[in-house]
């Protein structure tokens, strides 16, 4: 397995560690913040030309894991600027679409794709309308690609984490604004009574890219402690 992991935050790093344990070759990419733990290639997924260039430099690979998201404070949609809404959708929907297109152009008759999504695409999130719209769009996109690739040994699935113990979540819980209030309420509502460890999300990804998942495609798996059951 040669896995390209897009995004090197808490979940992306956990996925890289997990797949390395399985003996995979891992190539990581980052957008703004170069990881300290391992080498990575800079990539702006919102640019189809840059995706094509970087994937061409990487060469053959058979696994794509996309863990990117847009960091922003929550706010009511009527107060959110159109420019920010478009940036969120470009990052969380159009970017993954560009990456999937690029991967399918590299894959032969075998490939595994996992996108890290969010159950906000099913339930919505107060103050996060643009992101929820992007995540919902991602679900429809993945199901369509699953139908297009089903005759080959190519699968595409989404893992939707609940609140996960990462630096990103810690930052969102700070302060007294809408972001902290919404995220704090979400964490308190988790039936398991705790947040996820990034390694638990990585285990779900490892299944979807592993040797026994070839009959599972077009699915959305919530790893959320029962939050959206």
Foldseek 3Di string as FASTA:
>chain_A
DEEEEEDCFQLSVLLVVVVVVVVYHYEYEYDPDADPPDHHHHADLLDLVRLLVVDVVVAADAEYEYEDADQDAFDAPVPDDPVVLVVRLSGLAVSVVSNVVNNVVRDDLAHFYEYEAACCLVVNFHRPNSNVVSRVNVLVVFLVVCVVNVVGLYAYEYEHEAAEPGPSLVVQCDDDDPSNVRSVVLQPQQPQNHGHYSNVSSVVVCVRGDDPNSVDHSYYHYRYNPSPD
